N, C-alpha and C. Protein backbone atom coordinates (compact mmCIF):
# COMPACT_ATOMS: atom_id res chain seq x y z
N UNK A 1 76.22 146.07 102.68
CA UNK A 1 77.41 146.16 103.50
C UNK A 1 77.58 147.56 104.02
N UNK A 2 78.46 147.71 104.97
CA UNK A 2 78.73 149.03 105.55
C UNK A 2 79.82 149.73 104.75
N UNK A 3 79.74 151.02 104.74
CA UNK A 3 80.75 151.83 104.07
C UNK A 3 82.01 151.89 104.90
N UNK A 4 83.14 152.02 104.22
CA UNK A 4 84.38 152.26 104.92
C UNK A 4 84.49 153.74 105.25
N UNK A 5 85.61 154.14 105.84
CA UNK A 5 85.80 155.56 106.16
C UNK A 5 85.82 156.40 104.88
N UNK A 6 85.28 157.60 104.97
CA UNK A 6 85.22 158.48 103.81
C UNK A 6 86.62 158.90 103.39
N UNK A 7 86.98 158.77 102.11
CA UNK A 7 88.30 159.19 101.66
C UNK A 7 88.56 160.66 101.99
N UNK A 8 89.77 160.94 102.39
CA UNK A 8 90.13 162.31 102.80
C UNK A 8 89.88 163.31 101.68
N UNK A 9 90.08 162.87 100.43
CA UNK A 9 89.96 163.80 99.31
C UNK A 9 88.55 164.39 99.22
N UNK A 10 87.52 163.66 99.68
CA UNK A 10 86.16 164.17 99.61
C UNK A 10 85.94 165.35 100.55
N UNK A 11 86.76 165.47 101.57
CA UNK A 11 86.63 166.59 102.51
C UNK A 11 86.97 167.92 101.85
N UNK A 12 87.57 167.88 100.67
CA UNK A 12 87.95 169.12 99.97
C UNK A 12 86.80 169.70 99.17
N UNK A 13 85.69 168.97 99.09
CA UNK A 13 84.51 169.47 98.39
C UNK A 13 83.59 170.20 99.36
N UNK A 14 82.71 171.04 98.82
CA UNK A 14 81.71 171.69 99.65
C UNK A 14 80.70 170.65 100.13
N UNK A 15 79.91 171.02 101.14
CA UNK A 15 79.01 170.06 101.78
C UNK A 15 78.02 169.44 100.80
N UNK A 16 77.40 170.26 99.95
CA UNK A 16 76.38 169.75 99.05
C UNK A 16 76.97 168.79 98.01
N UNK A 17 78.14 169.14 97.47
CA UNK A 17 78.78 168.28 96.47
C UNK A 17 79.19 166.96 97.10
N UNK A 18 79.78 167.04 98.27
CA UNK A 18 80.21 165.81 98.96
C UNK A 18 79.00 164.93 99.29
N UNK A 19 77.90 165.54 99.72
CA UNK A 19 76.70 164.77 100.05
C UNK A 19 76.14 164.07 98.82
N UNK A 20 76.10 164.77 97.69
CA UNK A 20 75.61 164.13 96.47
C UNK A 20 76.48 162.94 96.09
N UNK A 21 77.79 163.13 96.11
CA UNK A 21 78.67 162.04 95.67
C UNK A 21 78.55 160.83 96.58
N UNK A 22 78.54 161.04 97.89
CA UNK A 22 78.49 159.90 98.81
C UNK A 22 77.14 159.18 98.76
N UNK A 23 76.07 159.89 98.37
CA UNK A 23 74.78 159.24 98.19
C UNK A 23 74.70 158.49 96.86
N UNK A 24 75.45 158.98 95.85
CA UNK A 24 75.37 158.40 94.51
C UNK A 24 76.34 157.24 94.30
N UNK A 25 77.47 157.25 95.03
CA UNK A 25 78.51 156.26 94.81
C UNK A 25 79.01 155.71 96.14
N UNK A 26 79.43 154.44 96.12
CA UNK A 26 79.96 153.83 97.34
C UNK A 26 81.27 154.49 97.75
N UNK A 27 82.12 154.77 96.78
CA UNK A 27 83.41 155.38 97.05
C UNK A 27 84.01 155.87 95.74
N UNK A 28 84.98 156.78 95.79
CA UNK A 28 85.64 157.23 94.57
C UNK A 28 86.51 156.10 94.00
N UNK A 29 86.71 156.12 92.69
CA UNK A 29 87.63 155.18 92.07
C UNK A 29 89.07 155.67 92.29
N UNK A 30 90.06 154.80 92.13
CA UNK A 30 91.46 155.25 92.24
C UNK A 30 91.77 156.40 91.28
N UNK A 31 91.20 156.36 90.08
CA UNK A 31 91.43 157.44 89.12
C UNK A 31 90.89 158.76 89.65
N UNK A 32 89.72 158.73 90.26
CA UNK A 32 89.13 159.95 90.81
C UNK A 32 89.95 160.48 91.99
N UNK A 33 90.37 159.59 92.86
CA UNK A 33 91.18 160.03 94.00
C UNK A 33 92.47 160.69 93.52
N UNK A 34 93.14 160.05 92.55
CA UNK A 34 94.37 160.62 92.02
C UNK A 34 94.14 161.96 91.36
N UNK A 35 93.03 162.05 90.58
CA UNK A 35 92.73 163.31 89.90
C UNK A 35 92.45 164.42 90.90
N UNK A 36 91.63 164.12 91.91
CA UNK A 36 91.27 165.15 92.88
C UNK A 36 92.44 165.56 93.76
N UNK A 37 93.34 164.64 94.04
CA UNK A 37 94.55 165.01 94.77
C UNK A 37 95.34 166.06 94.00
N UNK A 38 95.48 165.84 92.69
CA UNK A 38 96.25 166.78 91.87
C UNK A 38 95.50 168.08 91.64
N UNK A 39 94.22 167.96 91.26
CA UNK A 39 93.45 169.15 90.91
C UNK A 39 93.25 170.05 92.12
N UNK A 40 92.95 169.45 93.28
CA UNK A 40 92.69 170.27 94.47
C UNK A 40 93.95 170.96 94.96
N UNK A 41 95.12 170.46 94.55
CA UNK A 41 96.38 171.11 94.91
C UNK A 41 96.74 172.22 93.92
N UNK A 42 95.88 172.41 92.90
CA UNK A 42 96.14 173.45 91.92
C UNK A 42 97.01 173.00 90.77
N UNK A 43 97.27 171.69 90.69
CA UNK A 43 98.12 171.17 89.63
C UNK A 43 97.29 170.85 88.39
N UNK A 44 97.94 170.88 87.21
CA UNK A 44 97.32 170.34 86.01
C UNK A 44 97.33 168.83 86.12
N UNK A 45 96.41 168.16 85.44
CA UNK A 45 96.30 166.72 85.59
C UNK A 45 95.99 166.04 84.27
N UNK A 46 96.66 164.90 84.04
CA UNK A 46 96.34 164.02 82.93
C UNK A 46 95.86 162.72 83.54
N UNK A 47 94.59 162.38 83.30
CA UNK A 47 93.98 161.20 83.92
C UNK A 47 93.89 160.10 82.87
N UNK A 48 94.66 159.04 83.06
CA UNK A 48 94.68 157.93 82.13
C UNK A 48 94.19 156.70 82.87
N UNK A 49 93.04 156.17 82.48
CA UNK A 49 92.44 155.03 83.18
C UNK A 49 91.43 154.38 82.25
N UNK A 50 91.05 153.14 82.53
CA UNK A 50 90.08 152.44 81.67
C UNK A 50 88.72 153.13 81.64
N UNK A 51 87.96 152.85 80.60
CA UNK A 51 86.58 153.33 80.51
C UNK A 51 85.80 152.87 81.74
N UNK A 52 84.99 153.79 82.29
CA UNK A 52 84.21 153.45 83.47
C UNK A 52 84.88 153.80 84.77
N UNK A 53 86.05 154.45 84.69
CA UNK A 53 86.78 154.80 85.91
C UNK A 53 86.37 156.14 86.49
N UNK A 54 85.45 156.82 85.82
CA UNK A 54 84.98 158.10 86.35
C UNK A 54 85.91 159.26 86.08
N UNK A 55 86.67 159.19 84.98
CA UNK A 55 87.64 160.25 84.68
C UNK A 55 86.95 161.58 84.41
N UNK A 56 85.95 161.55 83.53
CA UNK A 56 85.27 162.80 83.18
C UNK A 56 84.55 163.39 84.38
N UNK A 57 83.90 162.55 85.16
CA UNK A 57 83.22 163.04 86.35
C UNK A 57 84.20 163.68 87.33
N UNK A 58 85.40 163.13 87.42
CA UNK A 58 86.39 163.70 88.36
C UNK A 58 86.69 165.15 88.00
N UNK A 59 86.81 165.42 86.71
CA UNK A 59 87.10 166.80 86.29
C UNK A 59 85.88 167.69 86.44
N UNK A 60 84.72 167.22 85.97
CA UNK A 60 83.51 168.02 86.04
C UNK A 60 83.11 168.33 87.48
N UNK A 61 83.19 167.34 88.36
CA UNK A 61 82.69 167.54 89.72
C UNK A 61 83.51 168.58 90.45
N UNK A 62 84.82 168.53 90.28
CA UNK A 62 85.65 169.54 90.94
C UNK A 62 85.36 170.93 90.37
N UNK A 63 85.22 171.01 89.04
CA UNK A 63 84.94 172.31 88.42
C UNK A 63 83.59 172.85 88.89
N UNK A 64 82.57 171.99 88.95
CA UNK A 64 81.26 172.43 89.44
C UNK A 64 81.35 172.90 90.89
N UNK A 65 82.10 172.17 91.69
CA UNK A 65 82.22 172.53 93.10
C UNK A 65 82.86 173.90 93.28
N UNK A 66 83.83 174.21 92.45
CA UNK A 66 84.46 175.54 92.52
C UNK A 66 83.46 176.62 92.13
N UNK A 67 82.59 176.33 91.17
CA UNK A 67 81.56 177.30 90.80
C UNK A 67 80.56 177.49 91.94
N UNK A 68 80.23 176.38 92.62
CA UNK A 68 79.32 176.46 93.77
C UNK A 68 79.93 177.30 94.88
N UNK A 69 81.24 177.15 95.07
CA UNK A 69 81.91 177.77 96.21
C UNK A 69 82.23 179.25 96.01
N UNK A 70 82.21 179.73 94.77
CA UNK A 70 82.61 181.13 94.53
C UNK A 70 81.57 181.82 93.67
N UNK A 71 81.27 183.08 93.96
CA UNK A 71 80.26 183.80 93.17
C UNK A 71 80.77 184.10 91.77
N UNK A 72 79.86 184.29 90.82
CA UNK A 72 80.30 184.61 89.45
C UNK A 72 80.92 186.00 89.40
N UNK A 73 81.76 186.26 88.41
CA UNK A 73 82.35 187.60 88.25
C UNK A 73 81.27 188.66 88.05
N UNK A 74 81.58 189.87 88.43
CA UNK A 74 80.62 190.95 88.26
C UNK A 74 80.34 191.23 86.79
N UNK A 75 81.37 191.12 85.96
CA UNK A 75 81.21 191.36 84.53
C UNK A 75 80.63 190.10 83.89
N UNK A 76 79.40 190.15 83.35
CA UNK A 76 78.79 188.95 82.77
C UNK A 76 79.58 188.39 81.59
N UNK A 77 80.40 189.22 80.94
CA UNK A 77 81.19 188.73 79.81
C UNK A 77 82.29 187.79 80.26
N UNK A 78 82.61 187.81 81.55
CA UNK A 78 83.66 186.95 82.08
C UNK A 78 83.09 185.81 82.92
N UNK A 79 81.80 185.54 82.75
CA UNK A 79 81.16 184.53 83.58
C UNK A 79 81.64 183.11 83.28
N UNK A 80 82.05 182.85 82.05
CA UNK A 80 82.49 181.51 81.68
C UNK A 80 83.80 181.18 82.39
N UNK A 81 83.74 180.18 83.29
CA UNK A 81 84.93 179.82 84.05
C UNK A 81 85.37 178.38 83.82
N UNK A 82 84.54 177.60 83.12
CA UNK A 82 84.89 176.21 82.83
C UNK A 82 84.71 175.98 81.33
N UNK A 83 85.77 175.52 80.68
CA UNK A 83 85.75 175.19 79.26
C UNK A 83 85.98 173.69 79.11
N UNK A 84 85.03 173.00 78.46
CA UNK A 84 85.09 171.56 78.26
C UNK A 84 85.13 171.29 76.76
N UNK A 85 86.16 170.58 76.32
CA UNK A 85 86.36 170.30 74.90
C UNK A 85 86.33 168.80 74.68
N UNK A 86 85.46 168.36 73.77
CA UNK A 86 85.34 166.92 73.50
C UNK A 86 84.78 166.73 72.10
N UNK A 87 85.13 165.63 71.43
CA UNK A 87 84.54 165.34 70.12
C UNK A 87 83.02 165.25 70.21
N UNK A 88 82.35 165.57 69.14
CA UNK A 88 80.89 165.63 69.12
C UNK A 88 80.25 164.32 69.56
N UNK A 89 80.83 163.19 69.17
CA UNK A 89 80.23 161.90 69.49
C UNK A 89 80.14 161.65 70.99
N UNK A 90 80.97 162.33 71.75
CA UNK A 90 80.98 162.09 73.19
C UNK A 90 80.16 163.11 73.95
N UNK A 91 79.80 164.22 73.31
CA UNK A 91 79.22 165.35 74.04
C UNK A 91 77.92 165.01 74.75
N UNK A 92 76.95 164.49 74.04
CA UNK A 92 75.61 164.33 74.62
C UNK A 92 75.62 163.42 75.83
N UNK A 93 76.25 162.26 75.71
CA UNK A 93 76.28 161.31 76.82
C UNK A 93 77.04 161.87 78.00
N UNK A 94 78.22 162.43 77.73
CA UNK A 94 79.05 162.90 78.83
C UNK A 94 78.46 164.11 79.54
N UNK A 95 77.85 165.02 78.78
CA UNK A 95 77.27 166.20 79.40
C UNK A 95 76.14 165.81 80.34
N UNK A 96 75.31 164.87 79.90
CA UNK A 96 74.17 164.47 80.73
C UNK A 96 74.64 163.72 81.97
N UNK A 97 75.53 162.76 81.78
CA UNK A 97 75.93 161.89 82.89
C UNK A 97 76.88 162.60 83.85
N UNK A 98 77.81 163.35 83.31
CA UNK A 98 78.89 163.89 84.12
C UNK A 98 78.74 165.35 84.50
N UNK A 99 77.73 166.02 83.98
CA UNK A 99 77.55 167.43 84.31
C UNK A 99 76.14 167.73 84.80
N UNK A 100 75.14 167.49 83.98
CA UNK A 100 73.78 167.88 84.35
C UNK A 100 73.25 167.05 85.53
N UNK A 101 73.55 165.77 85.55
CA UNK A 101 73.06 164.93 86.65
C UNK A 101 73.66 165.34 88.00
N UNK A 102 74.99 165.47 88.11
CA UNK A 102 75.52 165.92 89.40
C UNK A 102 75.10 167.34 89.75
N UNK A 103 74.94 168.20 88.75
CA UNK A 103 74.51 169.57 89.03
C UNK A 103 73.11 169.57 89.64
N UNK A 104 72.22 168.74 89.08
CA UNK A 104 70.88 168.62 89.66
C UNK A 104 70.95 168.05 91.07
N UNK A 105 71.84 167.08 91.26
CA UNK A 105 71.99 166.49 92.59
C UNK A 105 72.54 167.47 93.61
N UNK A 106 73.48 168.29 93.19
CA UNK A 106 74.05 169.30 94.10
C UNK A 106 72.97 170.31 94.49
N UNK A 107 72.12 170.67 93.55
CA UNK A 107 71.03 171.59 93.87
C UNK A 107 70.07 170.98 94.88
N UNK A 108 69.74 169.70 94.69
CA UNK A 108 68.84 169.03 95.64
C UNK A 108 69.47 168.96 97.03
N UNK A 109 70.75 168.62 97.09
CA UNK A 109 71.42 168.53 98.39
C UNK A 109 71.54 169.90 99.05
N UNK A 110 71.75 170.92 98.26
CA UNK A 110 71.81 172.28 98.81
C UNK A 110 70.49 172.63 99.48
N UNK A 111 69.38 172.32 98.81
CA UNK A 111 68.07 172.59 99.38
C UNK A 111 67.86 171.77 100.65
N UNK A 112 68.27 170.51 100.63
CA UNK A 112 68.09 169.65 101.79
C UNK A 112 68.90 170.14 102.99
N UNK A 113 70.07 170.69 102.72
CA UNK A 113 70.96 171.17 103.78
C UNK A 113 70.66 172.62 104.18
N UNK A 114 69.69 173.23 103.53
CA UNK A 114 69.36 174.62 103.85
C UNK A 114 70.36 175.62 103.31
N UNK A 115 71.07 175.24 102.24
CA UNK A 115 72.08 176.12 101.63
C UNK A 115 71.50 176.79 100.40
N UNK A 116 72.07 177.93 99.99
CA UNK A 116 71.59 178.58 98.76
C UNK A 116 71.74 177.64 97.57
N UNK A 117 70.72 177.60 96.74
CA UNK A 117 70.78 176.74 95.56
C UNK A 117 71.67 177.38 94.49
N UNK A 118 72.70 176.68 94.05
CA UNK A 118 73.61 177.28 93.07
C UNK A 118 72.93 177.50 91.73
N UNK A 119 73.23 178.63 91.10
CA UNK A 119 72.72 178.93 89.77
C UNK A 119 73.91 178.84 88.82
N UNK A 120 73.97 177.76 88.07
CA UNK A 120 75.09 177.51 87.17
C UNK A 120 74.52 177.24 85.78
N UNK A 121 74.91 178.07 84.84
CA UNK A 121 74.42 177.96 83.47
C UNK A 121 75.39 177.13 82.63
N UNK A 122 74.82 176.26 81.79
CA UNK A 122 75.62 175.40 80.92
C UNK A 122 75.26 175.71 79.47
N UNK A 123 76.27 175.89 78.64
CA UNK A 123 76.03 176.14 77.21
C UNK A 123 76.81 175.16 76.37
N UNK A 124 76.22 174.74 75.25
CA UNK A 124 76.85 173.79 74.33
C UNK A 124 76.95 174.43 72.96
N UNK A 125 78.12 174.31 72.34
CA UNK A 125 78.28 174.82 70.97
C UNK A 125 78.92 173.74 70.10
N UNK A 126 78.26 173.48 68.98
CA UNK A 126 78.80 172.57 67.97
C UNK A 126 78.43 173.15 66.61
N UNK A 127 78.65 172.38 65.57
CA UNK A 127 78.32 172.88 64.24
C UNK A 127 76.85 173.12 64.03
N UNK A 128 76.00 172.52 64.87
CA UNK A 128 74.55 172.67 64.73
C UNK A 128 73.96 173.80 65.57
N UNK A 129 74.77 174.51 66.32
CA UNK A 129 74.26 175.55 67.21
C UNK A 129 73.71 176.72 66.40
N UNK A 130 72.47 177.16 66.69
CA UNK A 130 71.88 178.29 65.94
C UNK A 130 72.71 179.57 66.08
N UNK A 131 72.60 180.43 65.08
CA UNK A 131 73.39 181.66 65.05
C UNK A 131 73.09 182.56 66.24
N UNK A 132 71.82 182.63 66.67
CA UNK A 132 71.50 183.53 67.78
C UNK A 132 72.16 183.07 69.07
N UNK A 133 72.28 181.75 69.27
CA UNK A 133 72.97 181.25 70.46
C UNK A 133 74.47 181.54 70.39
N UNK A 134 75.04 181.43 69.19
CA UNK A 134 76.46 181.75 69.05
C UNK A 134 76.72 183.21 69.35
N UNK A 135 75.81 184.09 68.91
CA UNK A 135 75.98 185.52 69.18
C UNK A 135 75.84 185.82 70.66
N UNK A 136 74.92 185.12 71.33
CA UNK A 136 74.72 185.35 72.76
C UNK A 136 75.98 185.03 73.56
N UNK A 137 76.73 184.05 73.12
CA UNK A 137 77.95 183.67 73.83
C UNK A 137 78.93 184.84 73.92
N UNK A 138 78.94 185.70 72.92
CA UNK A 138 79.88 186.81 72.89
C UNK A 138 79.57 187.87 73.95
N UNK A 139 78.31 187.95 74.39
CA UNK A 139 77.94 188.99 75.35
C UNK A 139 77.57 188.44 76.72
N UNK A 140 77.03 187.22 76.75
CA UNK A 140 76.63 186.62 78.02
C UNK A 140 76.92 185.12 78.00
N UNK A 141 78.18 184.75 78.16
CA UNK A 141 78.53 183.33 78.11
C UNK A 141 78.04 182.59 79.35
N UNK A 142 77.87 181.28 79.25
CA UNK A 142 77.45 180.48 80.41
C UNK A 142 78.62 180.24 81.36
N UNK A 143 78.33 179.72 82.53
CA UNK A 143 79.39 179.38 83.48
C UNK A 143 80.27 178.26 82.95
N UNK A 144 79.62 177.28 82.28
CA UNK A 144 80.33 176.13 81.72
C UNK A 144 80.07 176.10 80.22
N UNK A 145 81.14 176.09 79.43
CA UNK A 145 81.03 176.10 77.98
C UNK A 145 81.50 174.77 77.44
N UNK A 146 80.57 174.03 76.79
CA UNK A 146 80.84 172.71 76.24
C UNK A 146 80.99 172.84 74.73
N UNK A 147 82.10 172.38 74.17
CA UNK A 147 82.27 172.55 72.74
C UNK A 147 83.18 171.48 72.16
N UNK A 148 83.32 171.50 70.85
CA UNK A 148 84.18 170.57 70.13
C UNK A 148 85.47 171.30 69.74
N UNK A 149 86.52 170.56 69.41
CA UNK A 149 87.76 171.23 68.96
C UNK A 149 87.52 172.15 67.77
N UNK A 150 86.68 171.72 66.84
CA UNK A 150 86.43 172.53 65.64
C UNK A 150 85.70 173.83 65.99
N UNK A 151 84.68 173.73 66.84
CA UNK A 151 83.94 174.93 67.23
C UNK A 151 84.79 175.84 68.11
N UNK A 152 85.64 175.25 68.95
CA UNK A 152 86.53 176.06 69.77
C UNK A 152 87.46 176.88 68.89
N UNK A 153 87.95 176.27 67.84
CA UNK A 153 88.83 177.00 66.92
C UNK A 153 88.12 178.22 66.34
N UNK A 154 86.85 178.06 65.98
CA UNK A 154 86.09 179.19 65.43
C UNK A 154 85.91 180.29 66.47
N UNK A 155 85.69 179.90 67.73
CA UNK A 155 85.56 180.89 68.79
C UNK A 155 86.88 181.65 68.97
N UNK A 156 87.98 180.91 68.97
CA UNK A 156 89.28 181.52 69.23
C UNK A 156 89.74 182.42 68.10
N UNK A 157 89.19 182.25 66.92
CA UNK A 157 89.58 183.09 65.79
C UNK A 157 88.54 184.17 65.50
N UNK A 158 87.68 184.44 66.47
CA UNK A 158 86.66 185.49 66.32
C UNK A 158 86.67 186.38 67.56
N UNK A 159 85.86 187.43 67.51
CA UNK A 159 85.77 188.34 68.67
C UNK A 159 85.19 187.63 69.89
N UNK A 160 84.51 186.50 69.69
CA UNK A 160 83.91 185.76 70.82
C UNK A 160 84.95 185.23 71.79
N UNK A 161 86.22 185.20 71.39
CA UNK A 161 87.26 184.71 72.31
C UNK A 161 87.36 185.56 73.56
N UNK A 162 86.88 186.80 73.49
CA UNK A 162 86.90 187.66 74.68
C UNK A 162 86.07 187.05 75.81
N UNK A 163 85.08 186.22 75.46
CA UNK A 163 84.24 185.60 76.48
C UNK A 163 84.94 184.46 77.20
N UNK A 164 86.16 184.12 76.79
CA UNK A 164 86.92 183.07 77.46
C UNK A 164 87.94 183.64 78.44
N UNK A 165 87.96 184.95 78.62
CA UNK A 165 88.97 185.56 79.49
C UNK A 165 88.85 185.12 80.94
N UNK A 166 87.65 184.76 81.39
CA UNK A 166 87.46 184.38 82.78
C UNK A 166 87.66 182.90 83.06
N UNK A 167 88.04 182.13 82.04
CA UNK A 167 88.16 180.68 82.21
C UNK A 167 89.21 180.33 83.26
N UNK A 168 88.82 179.46 84.18
CA UNK A 168 89.70 179.00 85.24
C UNK A 168 90.07 177.52 85.09
N UNK A 169 89.21 176.76 84.41
CA UNK A 169 89.42 175.33 84.26
C UNK A 169 89.18 174.92 82.81
N UNK A 170 90.13 174.18 82.24
CA UNK A 170 89.99 173.63 80.90
C UNK A 170 90.00 172.11 81.01
N UNK A 171 88.95 171.47 80.48
CA UNK A 171 88.85 170.00 80.50
C UNK A 171 88.88 169.51 79.06
N UNK A 172 89.86 168.69 78.74
CA UNK A 172 89.96 168.08 77.41
C UNK A 172 89.62 166.61 77.57
N UNK A 173 88.57 166.16 76.89
CA UNK A 173 88.01 164.83 77.14
C UNK A 173 88.05 163.96 75.89
N UNK A 174 88.00 162.64 76.10
CA UNK A 174 87.86 161.66 75.03
C UNK A 174 88.97 161.76 74.00
N UNK A 175 90.22 161.71 74.46
CA UNK A 175 91.35 161.65 73.53
C UNK A 175 91.53 160.19 73.11
N UNK A 176 90.85 159.79 72.06
CA UNK A 176 90.83 158.37 71.68
C UNK A 176 92.12 157.91 71.02
N UNK A 177 92.81 158.82 70.33
CA UNK A 177 93.99 158.41 69.58
C UNK A 177 95.25 158.90 70.28
N UNK A 178 96.32 158.11 70.22
CA UNK A 178 97.58 158.58 70.79
C UNK A 178 98.01 159.86 70.10
N UNK A 179 98.30 160.88 70.90
CA UNK A 179 98.68 162.18 70.36
C UNK A 179 100.07 162.54 70.84
N UNK A 180 100.87 162.98 69.91
CA UNK A 180 102.19 163.45 70.29
C UNK A 180 102.10 164.85 70.87
N UNK A 181 103.16 165.32 71.52
CA UNK A 181 103.13 166.64 72.15
C UNK A 181 102.90 167.76 71.16
N UNK A 182 103.37 167.60 69.92
CA UNK A 182 103.16 168.66 68.94
C UNK A 182 101.69 168.82 68.61
N UNK A 183 100.97 167.70 68.46
CA UNK A 183 99.55 167.77 68.12
C UNK A 183 98.74 168.39 69.26
N UNK A 184 98.88 167.85 70.46
CA UNK A 184 98.12 168.38 71.59
C UNK A 184 98.53 169.82 71.86
N UNK A 185 99.83 170.07 71.83
CA UNK A 185 100.28 171.44 72.09
C UNK A 185 99.73 172.42 71.09
N UNK A 186 99.72 172.02 69.82
CA UNK A 186 99.26 172.93 68.78
C UNK A 186 97.79 173.28 68.95
N UNK A 187 96.97 172.29 69.28
CA UNK A 187 95.53 172.52 69.36
C UNK A 187 95.14 173.23 70.64
N UNK A 188 95.66 172.76 71.78
CA UNK A 188 95.12 173.23 73.04
C UNK A 188 95.99 174.23 73.79
N UNK A 189 97.29 174.17 73.59
CA UNK A 189 98.14 175.13 74.28
C UNK A 189 98.27 176.40 73.47
N UNK A 190 98.64 176.26 72.21
CA UNK A 190 98.79 177.46 71.38
C UNK A 190 97.47 178.17 71.20
N UNK A 191 96.42 177.42 70.86
CA UNK A 191 95.16 178.07 70.55
C UNK A 191 94.51 178.72 71.77
N UNK A 192 94.68 178.11 72.94
CA UNK A 192 94.04 178.68 74.13
C UNK A 192 94.81 179.88 74.66
N UNK A 193 96.14 179.87 74.48
CA UNK A 193 96.92 180.95 75.09
C UNK A 193 97.55 181.87 74.07
N UNK A 194 97.46 181.53 72.78
CA UNK A 194 98.17 182.33 71.80
C UNK A 194 97.30 183.03 70.79
N UNK A 195 96.01 183.09 71.02
CA UNK A 195 95.12 183.76 70.08
C UNK A 195 94.43 184.96 70.72
N UNK A 196 95.15 185.66 71.54
CA UNK A 196 94.60 186.88 72.12
C UNK A 196 93.77 186.68 73.35
N UNK A 197 93.70 185.45 73.86
CA UNK A 197 92.95 185.21 75.09
C UNK A 197 93.90 185.42 76.26
N UNK A 198 93.71 186.49 76.98
CA UNK A 198 94.54 186.78 78.15
C UNK A 198 93.69 186.53 79.38
N UNK A 199 93.99 185.44 80.09
CA UNK A 199 93.17 185.06 81.22
C UNK A 199 93.47 185.92 82.44
N UNK A 200 92.46 186.13 83.27
CA UNK A 200 92.67 186.81 84.54
C UNK A 200 93.53 185.93 85.45
N UNK A 201 93.31 184.62 85.39
CA UNK A 201 94.10 183.66 86.16
C UNK A 201 94.53 182.55 85.20
N UNK A 202 95.70 181.96 85.45
CA UNK A 202 96.16 180.87 84.61
C UNK A 202 95.21 179.68 84.78
N UNK A 203 94.52 179.26 83.73
CA UNK A 203 93.55 178.18 83.90
C UNK A 203 94.21 176.86 84.27
N UNK A 204 93.47 176.07 85.01
CA UNK A 204 93.90 174.72 85.36
C UNK A 204 93.43 173.78 84.26
N UNK A 205 94.27 172.84 83.86
CA UNK A 205 93.92 171.96 82.75
C UNK A 205 93.83 170.52 83.22
N UNK A 206 92.80 169.85 82.75
CA UNK A 206 92.62 168.43 83.05
C UNK A 206 92.34 167.71 81.74
N UNK A 207 93.14 166.71 81.44
CA UNK A 207 92.92 165.91 80.23
C UNK A 207 92.49 164.51 80.64
N UNK A 208 91.50 164.00 79.94
CA UNK A 208 90.98 162.65 80.15
C UNK A 208 91.35 161.86 78.91
N UNK A 209 92.18 160.84 79.06
CA UNK A 209 92.69 160.13 77.90
C UNK A 209 92.35 158.65 77.94
N UNK A 210 91.89 158.13 76.82
CA UNK A 210 91.66 156.69 76.68
C UNK A 210 92.86 156.08 75.96
N UNK A 211 94.03 156.29 76.51
CA UNK A 211 95.25 155.82 75.85
C UNK A 211 96.15 155.18 76.88
N UNK A 212 97.15 154.49 76.41
CA UNK A 212 98.06 153.82 77.33
C UNK A 212 98.98 154.82 78.01
N UNK A 213 99.34 154.59 79.27
CA UNK A 213 100.28 155.48 79.94
C UNK A 213 101.59 155.56 79.17
N UNK A 214 102.17 156.73 79.15
CA UNK A 214 103.47 156.89 78.52
C UNK A 214 103.41 157.34 77.07
N UNK A 215 102.20 157.41 76.49
CA UNK A 215 102.12 157.90 75.12
C UNK A 215 102.53 159.36 75.06
N UNK A 216 102.08 160.12 76.02
CA UNK A 216 102.65 161.45 76.21
C UNK A 216 102.53 161.80 77.69
N UNK A 217 103.30 162.76 78.10
CA UNK A 217 103.27 163.18 79.49
C UNK A 217 103.04 164.67 79.56
N UNK A 218 102.65 165.13 80.74
CA UNK A 218 102.45 166.57 80.89
C UNK A 218 103.75 167.33 80.69
N UNK A 219 104.85 166.69 81.02
CA UNK A 219 106.14 167.35 80.82
C UNK A 219 106.41 167.65 79.36
N UNK A 220 106.03 166.73 78.49
CA UNK A 220 106.23 166.94 77.06
C UNK A 220 105.26 167.97 76.50
N UNK A 221 104.01 167.89 76.99
CA UNK A 221 102.97 168.76 76.45
C UNK A 221 103.08 170.16 77.01
N UNK A 222 103.54 170.29 78.21
CA UNK A 222 103.53 171.58 78.90
C UNK A 222 102.30 171.63 79.77
N UNK A 223 101.15 171.69 79.14
CA UNK A 223 99.88 171.51 79.85
C UNK A 223 98.82 171.26 78.80
N UNK A 224 97.71 170.71 79.23
CA UNK A 224 96.65 170.39 78.28
C UNK A 224 95.37 171.09 78.72
């Protein structure tokens, strides 16, 4: 069949990112359109939709596109601009499907369009991460930092938290259990902003929840 008109929200992406998405998918899902409307306006977003709605990709793709569109900071210690937090069980599948695959596609489209190929480094930290990799994060963090709540807590309570000063986007993924505002606020609001991490810019937050609407709202949480 023929495609319908391209959704307006896709025009907010750079050429290479938009080309990859339109070649990979027939159209964005309603969850993705809603997320990109909010995120592209600079708002924090809580995306609540069924499994398979492309929630995680909506957050990752916009964050990757911002990295493509802007050069990294001059100070390598502030290179980390995207922080992704998810339980360990979700990390491997989501990182491959929602981050590495589109990143490879954006690079291919950049080459096809005659654009500079983006250089975006991705790092993963969990309880199994070797000590030398953990030490490297403190001096030369990646553009995108993938971690678990437990490992993030260890980063935030160590000198390595200085490497999070350049973070512009925080993605909290796979919230399987209904969480009250005190729980989410305690883990992600207090720990990200109250442990000596002073951001150059107020980070944008996107939460991906596998829960029913109304369990909590951004108004109650403040931001996620």
